[in-house]
Amino acid sequence: MPTSTAVQRSRTPSPVLVRGPRGGRIATAVLRDATHWDDVVITLGYEHLRRHGLRHTGLTWFADAGVPVHVLRRIAGHGSLMTTQRHLHPDVHKITAAGAALSAHLSAVRPPRSLPSPTVITR
């Protein structure tokens, strides 16, 4: 049986970034038809392109811009941070830059000049 918090959370609507003309949520099928998605991607030669892939791209760009993952979770409407994290795909340049930043940090760290003398305990 769900806890009262879980029940409360399920009754609380998540924020909607874009609303339909009557104020409700926009179904993905309506969005696809309204934008003529299938015709557009065929005309452009991108039949492999999926709208959900653009969702991954958008969330990754938000993350690259420094938006915290807990905010991304709210934007995406995910119930869990793990789901949001699975949507993020840093490119090789971001990964290389992270490694360079770590290397620079570690090379700036200086070891202590001398180790402290060991404490001798006598009885």
N, C-alpha and C. Protein backbone atom coordinates (compact mmCIF):
# COMPACT_ATOMS: atom_id res chain seq x y z
N MET A 1 0.85 -1.18 0.00
CA MET A 1 0.00 0.00 0.00
C MET A 1 0.90 1.24 0.00
N PRO A 2 0.60 2.22 -0.87
CA PRO A 2 1.45 3.41 -0.93
C PRO A 2 1.36 4.24 0.34
N THR A 3 2.45 4.90 0.63
CA THR A 3 2.47 5.78 1.80
C THR A 3 1.67 7.02 1.49
N SER A 4 1.32 7.75 2.53
CA SER A 4 0.55 8.98 2.31
C SER A 4 1.34 9.99 1.48
N THR A 5 2.65 9.99 1.63
CA THR A 5 3.48 10.91 0.83
C THR A 5 3.40 10.53 -0.65
N ALA A 6 3.47 9.21 -0.93
CA ALA A 6 3.40 8.76 -2.32
C ALA A 6 2.03 9.09 -2.92
N VAL A 7 0.98 8.91 -2.15
CA VAL A 7 -0.36 9.22 -2.63
C VAL A 7 -0.48 10.72 -2.86
N GLN A 8 0.04 11.49 -1.93
CA GLN A 8 0.00 12.94 -2.04
C GLN A 8 0.76 13.39 -3.29
N ARG A 9 1.93 12.80 -3.51
CA ARG A 9 2.76 13.18 -4.65
C ARG A 9 2.05 12.84 -5.96
N SER A 10 1.37 11.69 -6.02
CA SER A 10 0.72 11.29 -7.26
C SER A 10 -0.47 12.19 -7.58
N ARG A 11 -1.07 12.82 -6.58
CA ARG A 11 -2.21 13.73 -6.81
C ARG A 11 -1.76 15.14 -7.14
N THR A 12 -0.49 15.44 -6.89
CA THR A 12 0.02 16.77 -7.18
C THR A 12 0.48 16.81 -8.63
N PRO A 13 -0.16 17.62 -9.47
CA PRO A 13 0.26 17.65 -10.87
C PRO A 13 1.64 18.25 -11.02
N SER A 14 2.42 17.69 -11.94
CA SER A 14 3.74 18.24 -12.19
C SER A 14 3.59 19.49 -13.06
N PRO A 15 4.57 20.38 -13.01
CA PRO A 15 4.46 21.63 -13.77
C PRO A 15 4.47 21.34 -15.28
N VAL A 16 3.77 22.15 -16.02
CA VAL A 16 3.70 22.02 -17.47
C VAL A 16 4.31 23.28 -18.08
N LEU A 17 5.30 23.08 -18.94
CA LEU A 17 5.96 24.23 -19.56
C LEU A 17 5.11 24.86 -20.66
N VAL A 18 4.45 24.01 -21.43
CA VAL A 18 3.61 24.50 -22.52
C VAL A 18 2.24 23.86 -22.37
N ARG A 19 1.20 24.66 -22.43
CA ARG A 19 -0.17 24.16 -22.30
C ARG A 19 -0.89 24.25 -23.64
N GLY A 20 -1.89 23.41 -23.77
CA GLY A 20 -2.72 23.43 -24.97
C GLY A 20 -3.62 24.65 -24.99
N PRO A 21 -4.37 24.85 -26.07
CA PRO A 21 -5.21 26.03 -26.20
C PRO A 21 -6.29 26.14 -25.13
N ARG A 22 -6.67 25.01 -24.53
CA ARG A 22 -7.68 25.04 -23.46
C ARG A 22 -7.05 24.95 -22.08
N GLY A 23 -5.73 25.08 -22.01
CA GLY A 23 -5.04 25.08 -20.71
C GLY A 23 -4.57 23.73 -20.22
N GLY A 24 -4.87 22.66 -20.94
CA GLY A 24 -4.46 21.32 -20.51
C GLY A 24 -3.13 20.89 -21.10
N ARG A 25 -2.77 19.67 -20.78
CA ARG A 25 -1.53 19.09 -21.33
C ARG A 25 -1.70 18.81 -22.81
N ILE A 26 -0.60 18.85 -23.52
CA ILE A 26 -0.63 18.54 -24.95
C ILE A 26 -0.14 17.11 -25.12
N ALA A 27 -0.97 16.26 -25.70
CA ALA A 27 -0.59 14.87 -25.95
C ALA A 27 0.45 14.83 -27.07
N THR A 28 1.35 13.87 -27.01
CA THR A 28 2.42 13.80 -28.02
C THR A 28 1.86 13.57 -29.42
N ALA A 29 0.77 12.81 -29.54
CA ALA A 29 0.19 12.57 -30.86
C ALA A 29 -0.36 13.87 -31.45
N VAL A 30 -0.96 14.70 -30.61
CA VAL A 30 -1.48 15.99 -31.07
C VAL A 30 -0.32 16.88 -31.52
N LEU A 31 0.75 16.88 -30.75
CA LEU A 31 1.92 17.67 -31.11
C LEU A 31 2.52 17.19 -32.43
N ARG A 32 2.62 15.88 -32.59
CA ARG A 32 3.16 15.31 -33.84
C ARG A 32 2.31 15.75 -35.03
N ASP A 33 1.00 15.65 -34.89
CA ASP A 33 0.11 16.01 -36.00
C ASP A 33 0.12 17.51 -36.26
N ALA A 34 0.12 18.32 -35.19
CA ALA A 34 0.07 19.78 -35.35
C ALA A 34 1.33 20.32 -36.01
N THR A 35 2.44 19.67 -35.80
CA THR A 35 3.71 20.14 -36.38
C THR A 35 4.05 19.43 -37.69
N HIS A 36 3.21 18.48 -38.10
CA HIS A 36 3.46 17.68 -39.31
C HIS A 36 4.84 17.02 -39.22
N TRP A 37 5.13 16.51 -38.02
CA TRP A 37 6.46 15.95 -37.72
C TRP A 37 6.90 14.92 -38.75
N ASP A 38 6.05 13.96 -39.05
CA ASP A 38 6.46 12.88 -39.95
C ASP A 38 6.83 13.42 -41.33
N ASP A 39 6.04 14.35 -41.86
CA ASP A 39 6.33 14.94 -43.17
C ASP A 39 7.63 15.74 -43.14
N VAL A 40 7.84 16.50 -42.07
CA VAL A 40 9.02 17.35 -41.96
C VAL A 40 10.30 16.51 -41.93
N VAL A 41 10.35 15.48 -41.09
CA VAL A 41 11.59 14.69 -41.00
C VAL A 41 11.86 13.92 -42.29
N ILE A 42 10.81 13.50 -42.98
CA ILE A 42 11.01 12.81 -44.27
C ILE A 42 11.54 13.79 -45.29
N THR A 43 10.95 14.98 -45.36
CA THR A 43 11.40 16.01 -46.31
C THR A 43 12.86 16.38 -46.06
N LEU A 44 13.25 16.47 -44.79
CA LEU A 44 14.63 16.84 -44.45
C LEU A 44 15.61 15.67 -44.58
N GLY A 45 15.08 14.47 -44.75
CA GLY A 45 15.94 13.29 -44.85
C GLY A 45 16.40 12.77 -43.51
N TYR A 46 15.64 13.06 -42.45
CA TYR A 46 15.98 12.61 -41.10
C TYR A 46 14.92 11.65 -40.56
N GLU A 47 14.55 10.66 -41.35
CA GLU A 47 13.49 9.73 -40.93
C GLU A 47 13.81 9.05 -39.61
N HIS A 48 15.09 8.92 -39.30
CA HIS A 48 15.51 8.26 -38.06
C HIS A 48 15.31 9.14 -36.82
N LEU A 49 15.10 10.44 -37.02
CA LEU A 49 14.98 11.38 -35.90
C LEU A 49 13.65 11.17 -35.17
N ARG A 50 13.74 11.05 -33.85
CA ARG A 50 12.55 10.86 -33.02
C ARG A 50 12.41 12.04 -32.07
N ARG A 51 11.17 12.41 -31.79
CA ARG A 51 10.92 13.54 -30.88
C ARG A 51 11.53 13.28 -29.50
N HIS A 52 11.47 12.03 -29.04
CA HIS A 52 12.03 11.74 -27.72
C HIS A 52 13.54 11.97 -27.69
N GLY A 53 14.21 11.75 -28.82
CA GLY A 53 15.64 12.04 -28.91
C GLY A 53 15.92 13.52 -28.70
N LEU A 54 15.00 14.36 -29.18
CA LEU A 54 15.16 15.80 -28.97
C LEU A 54 14.99 16.15 -27.50
N ARG A 55 14.17 15.38 -26.80
CA ARG A 55 14.00 15.58 -25.35
C ARG A 55 15.33 15.32 -24.65
N HIS A 56 16.00 14.23 -25.04
CA HIS A 56 17.32 13.92 -24.47
C HIS A 56 18.30 15.06 -24.78
N THR A 57 18.28 15.52 -26.02
CA THR A 57 19.19 16.60 -26.42
C THR A 57 18.92 17.87 -25.62
N GLY A 58 17.65 18.23 -25.50
CA GLY A 58 17.30 19.44 -24.75
C GLY A 58 17.75 19.37 -23.31
N LEU A 59 17.49 18.23 -22.65
CA LEU A 59 17.91 18.09 -21.25
C LEU A 59 19.43 18.12 -21.12
N THR A 60 20.13 17.52 -22.07
CA THR A 60 21.59 17.54 -22.04
C THR A 60 22.10 18.97 -22.20
N TRP A 61 21.49 19.74 -23.08
CA TRP A 61 21.91 21.14 -23.27
C TRP A 61 21.65 21.95 -22.01
N PHE A 62 20.51 21.72 -21.35
CA PHE A 62 20.25 22.39 -20.08
C PHE A 62 21.35 22.06 -19.08
N ALA A 63 21.71 20.77 -18.99
CA ALA A 63 22.74 20.34 -18.03
C ALA A 63 24.08 20.97 -18.38
N ASP A 64 24.42 21.00 -19.67
CA ASP A 64 25.68 21.61 -20.10
C ASP A 64 25.72 23.10 -19.77
N ALA A 65 24.54 23.73 -19.71
CA ALA A 65 24.46 25.15 -19.37
C ALA A 65 24.53 25.38 -17.87
N GLY A 66 24.60 24.29 -17.09
CA GLY A 66 24.76 24.42 -15.65
C GLY A 66 23.48 24.29 -14.84
N VAL A 67 22.38 23.90 -15.48
CA VAL A 67 21.13 23.73 -14.74
C VAL A 67 21.26 22.47 -13.87
N PRO A 68 21.02 22.58 -12.57
CA PRO A 68 21.16 21.42 -11.68
C PRO A 68 20.19 20.30 -12.05
N VAL A 69 20.62 19.08 -11.81
CA VAL A 69 19.83 17.91 -12.21
C VAL A 69 18.47 17.86 -11.51
N HIS A 70 18.38 18.37 -10.28
CA HIS A 70 17.07 18.34 -9.61
C HIS A 70 16.09 19.30 -10.29
N VAL A 71 16.60 20.35 -10.91
CA VAL A 71 15.74 21.26 -11.67
C VAL A 71 15.35 20.61 -13.00
N LEU A 72 16.31 19.93 -13.63
CA LEU A 72 16.02 19.21 -14.87
C LEU A 72 14.93 18.16 -14.65
N ARG A 73 14.97 17.50 -13.50
CA ARG A 73 13.95 16.50 -13.18
C ARG A 73 12.57 17.12 -13.21
N ARG A 74 12.44 18.31 -12.64
CA ARG A 74 11.15 19.01 -12.63
C ARG A 74 10.74 19.43 -14.04
N ILE A 75 11.69 19.93 -14.81
CA ILE A 75 11.39 20.35 -16.18
C ILE A 75 10.89 19.17 -16.99
N ALA A 76 11.56 18.02 -16.84
CA ALA A 76 11.20 16.83 -17.61
C ALA A 76 9.95 16.14 -17.07
N GLY A 77 9.60 16.43 -15.82
CA GLY A 77 8.44 15.78 -15.23
C GLY A 77 8.74 14.35 -14.78
N HIS A 78 10.01 14.07 -14.54
CA HIS A 78 10.39 12.73 -14.10
C HIS A 78 10.11 12.55 -12.61
N GLY A 79 9.82 11.34 -12.20
CA GLY A 79 9.60 11.04 -10.79
C GLY A 79 10.91 10.80 -10.06
N SER A 80 11.97 10.50 -10.78
CA SER A 80 13.22 10.14 -10.13
C SER A 80 14.40 10.82 -10.82
N LEU A 81 15.41 11.15 -10.03
CA LEU A 81 16.64 11.73 -10.58
C LEU A 81 17.35 10.74 -11.50
N MET A 82 17.22 9.45 -11.19
CA MET A 82 17.89 8.43 -12.01
C MET A 82 17.34 8.45 -13.44
N THR A 83 16.05 8.65 -13.58
CA THR A 83 15.45 8.73 -14.91
C THR A 83 16.02 9.93 -15.65
N THR A 84 16.11 11.06 -14.98
CA THR A 84 16.66 12.26 -15.61
C THR A 84 18.11 12.03 -16.01
N GLN A 85 18.89 11.41 -15.14
CA GLN A 85 20.29 11.16 -15.45
C GLN A 85 20.46 10.27 -16.67
N ARG A 86 19.53 9.34 -16.87
CA ARG A 86 19.60 8.48 -18.06
C ARG A 86 19.33 9.27 -19.34
N HIS A 87 18.71 10.43 -19.23
CA HIS A 87 18.43 11.26 -20.39
C HIS A 87 19.62 12.14 -20.78
N LEU A 88 20.63 12.25 -19.92
CA LEU A 88 21.75 13.16 -20.16
C LEU A 88 22.88 12.42 -20.86
N HIS A 89 23.40 13.03 -21.92
CA HIS A 89 24.44 12.40 -22.73
C HIS A 89 25.55 13.41 -23.01
N PRO A 90 26.50 13.58 -22.08
CA PRO A 90 27.58 14.54 -22.33
C PRO A 90 28.42 14.07 -23.52
N ASP A 91 28.85 15.03 -24.34
CA ASP A 91 29.67 14.65 -25.48
C ASP A 91 31.12 14.45 -25.06
N VAL A 92 31.92 13.95 -25.98
CA VAL A 92 33.31 13.62 -25.68
C VAL A 92 34.09 14.85 -25.24
N HIS A 93 33.74 16.03 -25.75
CA HIS A 93 34.46 17.25 -25.37
C HIS A 93 34.22 17.59 -23.90
N LYS A 94 32.99 17.38 -23.42
CA LYS A 94 32.69 17.64 -22.00
C LYS A 94 33.44 16.66 -21.11
N ILE A 95 33.51 15.42 -21.54
CA ILE A 95 34.21 14.39 -20.76
C ILE A 95 35.71 14.69 -20.73
N THR A 96 36.28 15.07 -21.88
CA THR A 96 37.69 15.42 -21.96
C THR A 96 37.99 16.65 -21.10
N ALA A 97 37.11 17.64 -21.14
CA ALA A 97 37.29 18.85 -20.34
C ALA A 97 37.25 18.52 -18.85
N ALA A 98 36.37 17.59 -18.46
CA ALA A 98 36.29 17.19 -17.05
C ALA A 98 37.60 16.54 -16.62
N GLY A 99 38.18 15.70 -17.47
CA GLY A 99 39.46 15.07 -17.16
C GLY A 99 40.59 16.10 -17.06
N ALA A 100 40.59 17.08 -17.94
CA ALA A 100 41.61 18.14 -17.90
C ALA A 100 41.47 18.97 -16.63
N ALA A 101 40.21 19.25 -16.23
CA ALA A 101 39.99 20.02 -15.00
C ALA A 101 40.50 19.26 -13.79
N LEU A 102 40.27 17.96 -13.77
CA LEU A 102 40.76 17.13 -12.65
C LEU A 102 42.29 17.12 -12.64
N SER A 103 42.90 16.96 -13.80
CA SER A 103 44.38 16.95 -13.88
C SER A 103 44.96 18.27 -13.39
N ALA A 104 44.34 19.38 -13.79
CA ALA A 104 44.82 20.69 -13.34
C ALA A 104 44.68 20.83 -11.83
N HIS A 105 43.58 20.35 -11.29
CA HIS A 105 43.36 20.43 -9.84
C HIS A 105 44.40 19.59 -9.10
N LEU A 106 44.61 18.37 -9.57
CA LEU A 106 45.56 17.48 -8.88
C LEU A 106 47.00 17.99 -8.99
N SER A 107 47.35 18.61 -10.09
CA SER A 107 48.72 19.12 -10.22
C SER A 107 48.92 20.37 -9.37
N ALA A 108 47.85 21.06 -9.01
CA ALA A 108 47.95 22.25 -8.16
C ALA A 108 48.03 21.88 -6.69
N VAL A 109 47.62 20.69 -6.34
CA VAL A 109 47.66 20.25 -4.94
C VAL A 109 49.10 19.92 -4.58
N ARG A 110 49.59 20.50 -3.52
CA ARG A 110 50.98 20.27 -3.10
C ARG A 110 50.98 19.34 -1.90
N PRO A 111 51.87 18.36 -1.93
CA PRO A 111 51.96 17.48 -0.75
C PRO A 111 52.56 18.25 0.42
N PRO A 112 52.32 17.81 1.64
CA PRO A 112 52.92 18.49 2.80
C PRO A 112 54.45 18.41 2.70
N ARG A 113 55.14 19.44 3.21
CA ARG A 113 56.61 19.49 3.12
C ARG A 113 57.25 18.39 3.93
N SER A 114 56.69 18.11 5.05
CA SER A 114 57.23 16.98 5.84
C SER A 114 56.07 16.32 6.56
N LEU A 115 56.22 15.07 6.78
CA LEU A 115 55.18 14.34 7.50
C LEU A 115 55.31 14.62 8.98
N PRO A 116 54.20 14.68 9.69
CA PRO A 116 54.29 14.89 11.14
C PRO A 116 54.99 13.71 11.79
N SER A 117 55.65 13.99 12.90
CA SER A 117 56.34 12.92 13.63
C SER A 117 55.31 11.95 14.21
N PRO A 118 55.61 10.68 14.17
CA PRO A 118 54.66 9.73 14.76
C PRO A 118 54.59 9.94 16.28
N THR A 119 53.45 9.72 16.82
CA THR A 119 53.27 9.83 18.26
C THR A 119 53.63 8.49 18.88
N VAL A 120 54.48 8.55 19.86
CA VAL A 120 54.90 7.31 20.52
C VAL A 120 54.17 7.25 21.84
N ILE A 121 53.51 6.14 22.07
CA ILE A 121 52.78 5.96 23.33
C ILE A 121 53.58 4.98 24.17
N THR A 122 53.94 5.39 25.37
CA THR A 122 54.66 4.50 26.27
C THR A 122 53.76 4.18 27.45
N ARG A 123 54.00 3.03 28.01
CA ARG A 123 53.21 2.63 29.18
C ARG A 123 53.99 2.72 30.42
